[in-house]
Amino acid sequence: MIASWVAQASFEPLGLTIAVAKDRAIESLMQEGDAFVLNMLPEGDYGGTMKHFLKRFAPGQDRFEGVEWTPAPGGSPIVKAA
C-alpha cells in the first residue's frame, strides 16, 4: 500500500501523521492501536518498488511477491529497498 500522505507531527515523542485513502483495501483493516511498519523509499526511487505497490492487486494476492523484505519483530514487512 502507498500512503496518500506522511508528515512529522511531533518531535518529542516522535510522532507521524499518515493518511490512507478510504478506497484502499488496507484501510478497513487498520485500527487504532495496531502496529505497522512505515517503509520510506529513498528520494528518486520512483521506479520498480513504488510502481509495484501502486498497481491494483486481486483480493488475496501476495502484494510482496517479487519484493525483497524481512519481517519486523511483530511480523510486518520491512522492504529492503526502503
C-alpha atoms as a PDB file:
ATOM      1  CA  MET A   1       0.000   0.000   0.000  1.00  0.00           C
ATOM      2  CA  ILE A   2       1.189   3.506  -0.743  1.00  0.00           C
ATOM      3  CA  ALA A   3       0.235   6.129   1.839  1.00  0.00           C
ATOM      4  CA  SER A   4      -1.529   9.171   0.454  1.00  0.00           C
ATOM      5  CA  TRP A   5       0.360  11.478   2.797  1.00  0.00           C
ATOM      6  CA  VAL A   6       3.034  11.214   5.542  1.00  0.00           C
ATOM      7  CA  ALA A   7       4.248  14.083   7.744  1.00  0.00           C
ATOM      8  CA  GLN A   8       6.065  14.543  11.037  1.00  0.00           C
ATOM      9  CA  ALA A   9       3.543  15.510  13.710  1.00  0.00           C
ATOM     10  CA  SER A  10       5.823  15.957  16.745  1.00  0.00           C
ATOM     11  CA  PHE A  11       9.457  15.818  17.830  1.00  0.00           C
ATOM     12  CA  GLU A  12       9.221  14.601  21.449  1.00  0.00           C
ATOM     13  CA  PRO A  13       7.928  11.994  21.418  1.00  0.00           C
ATOM     14  CA  LEU A  14       8.428  11.441  17.705  1.00  0.00           C
ATOM     15  CA  GLY A  15       5.055  11.220  16.009  1.00  0.00           C
ATOM     16  CA  LEU A  16       3.947  10.802  12.422  1.00  0.00           C
ATOM     17  CA  THR A  17       0.682  11.530  10.677  1.00  0.00           C
ATOM     18  CA  ILE A  18      -0.195   9.059   7.937  1.00  0.00           C
ATOM     19  CA  ALA A  19      -3.180   9.366   5.604  1.00  0.00           C
ATOM     20  CA  VAL A  20      -4.600   6.371   3.764  1.00  0.00           C
ATOM     21  CA  ALA A  21      -7.264   6.778   1.088  1.00  0.00           C
ATOM     22  CA  LYS A  22     -10.588   5.184   2.039  1.00  0.00           C
ATOM     23  CA  ASP A  23     -10.671   3.255  -1.236  1.00  0.00           C
ATOM     24  CA  ARG A  24      -7.508   1.316  -0.317  1.00  0.00           C
ATOM     25  CA  ALA A  25      -8.208  -2.286   0.705  1.00  0.00           C
ATOM     26  CA  ILE A  26      -5.955  -1.973   3.778  1.00  0.00           C
ATOM     27  CA  GLU A  27      -7.900   0.998   5.218  1.00  0.00           C
ATOM     28  CA  SER A  28     -10.651  -1.199   6.660  1.00  0.00           C
ATOM     29  CA  LEU A  29      -8.043  -3.373   8.429  1.00  0.00           C
ATOM     30  CA  MET A  30      -6.235  -0.504  10.183  1.00  0.00           C
ATOM     31  CA  GLN A  31      -7.499   0.123  13.716  1.00  0.00           C
ATOM     32  CA  GLU A  32      -6.388   2.443  16.491  1.00  0.00           C
ATOM     33  CA  GLY A  33      -3.552   0.834  18.452  1.00  0.00           C
ATOM     34  CA  ASP A  34      -2.480  -1.529  15.650  1.00  0.00           C
ATOM     35  CA  ALA A  35       1.223  -1.909  14.896  1.00  0.00           C
ATOM     36  CA  PHE A  36       2.655  -1.499  11.416  1.00  0.00           C
ATOM     37  CA  VAL A  37       5.883  -0.622   9.603  1.00  0.00           C
ATOM     38  CA  LEU A  38       6.319   2.552   7.560  1.00  0.00           C
ATOM     39  CA  ASN A  39       8.804   1.808   4.769  1.00  0.00           C
ATOM     40  CA  MET A  40      10.185   5.037   3.333  1.00  0.00           C
ATOM     41  CA  LEU A  41      11.689   4.759  -0.137  1.00  0.00           C
ATOM     42  CA  PRO A  42      14.779   6.818  -0.945  1.00  0.00           C
ATOM     43  CA  GLU A  43      14.156  10.044  -2.817  1.00  0.00           C
ATOM     44  CA  GLY A  44      14.272   9.370  -6.538  1.00  0.00           C
ATOM     45  CA  ASP A  45      13.172   5.709  -6.228  1.00  0.00           C
ATOM     46  CA  TYR A  46      10.104   6.162  -8.368  1.00  0.00           C
ATOM     47  CA  GLY A  47      10.812   3.050 -10.377  1.00  0.00           C
ATOM     48  CA  GLY A  48      10.382  -0.588  -9.508  1.00  0.00           C
ATOM     49  CA  THR A  49       9.417  -0.629  -5.829  1.00  0.00           C
ATOM     50  CA  MET A  50       6.982   2.277  -5.927  1.00  0.00           C
ATOM     51  CA  LYS A  51       5.399   1.162  -9.201  1.00  0.00           C
ATOM     52  CA  HIS A  52       4.986  -2.341  -7.786  1.00  0.00           C
ATOM     53  CA  PHE A  53       2.861  -1.103  -4.877  1.00  0.00           C
ATOM     54  CA  LEU A  54       0.863   1.397  -6.972  1.00  0.00           C
ATOM     55  CA  LYS A  55      -0.680  -1.330  -9.126  1.00  0.00           C
ATOM     56  CA  ARG A  56      -4.000  -2.957  -8.230  1.00  0.00           C
ATOM     57  CA  PHE A  57      -3.870  -6.388  -6.612  1.00  0.00           C
ATOM     58  CA  ALA A  58      -6.532  -9.056  -6.735  1.00  0.00           C
ATOM     59  CA  PRO A  59      -8.118  -9.970  -3.377  1.00  0.00           C
ATOM     60  CA  GLY A  60      -5.808 -12.364  -1.544  1.00  0.00           C
ATOM     61  CA  GLN A  61      -2.894 -11.768  -3.931  1.00  0.00           C
ATOM     62  CA  ASP A  62       0.537 -11.615  -2.264  1.00  0.00           C
ATOM     63  CA  ARG A  63       1.454  -7.916  -2.515  1.00  0.00           C
ATOM     64  CA  PHE A  64       5.076  -8.655  -1.608  1.00  0.00           C
ATOM     65  CA  GLU A  65       5.711 -11.323  -4.239  1.00  0.00           C
ATOM     66  CA  GLY A  66       8.922 -10.352  -6.042  1.00  0.00           C
ATOM     67  CA  VAL A  67       9.880  -7.736  -3.400  1.00  0.00           C
ATOM     68  CA  GLU A  68      12.837  -8.375  -1.077  1.00  0.00           C
ATOM     69  CA  TRP A  69      11.829  -7.913   2.567  1.00  0.00           C
ATOM     70  CA  THR A  70      12.448  -9.162   6.099  1.00  0.00           C
ATOM     71  CA  PRO A  71       9.908  -9.397   8.929  1.00  0.00           C
ATOM     72  CA  ALA A  72       9.904  -6.864  11.775  1.00  0.00           C
ATOM     73  CA  PRO A  73       9.568  -8.271  15.336  1.00  0.00           C
ATOM     74  CA  GLY A  74       5.761  -8.079  15.021  1.00  0.00           C
ATOM     75  CA  GLY A  75       5.823  -9.688  11.576  1.00  0.00           C
ATOM     76  CA  SER A  76       5.250  -6.566   9.481  1.00  0.00           C
ATOM     77  CA  PRO A  77       7.381  -6.421   6.314  1.00  0.00           C
ATOM     78  CA  ILE A  78      10.499  -4.257   6.170  1.00  0.00           C
ATOM     79  CA  VAL A  79      11.250  -3.653   2.479  1.00  0.00           C
ATOM     80  CA  LYS A  80      14.962  -3.990   1.637  1.00  0.00           C
ATOM     81  CA  ALA A  81      14.850  -1.063  -0.850  1.00  0.00           C
ATOM     82  CA  ALA A  82      13.462   1.276   1.851  1.00  0.00           C
END
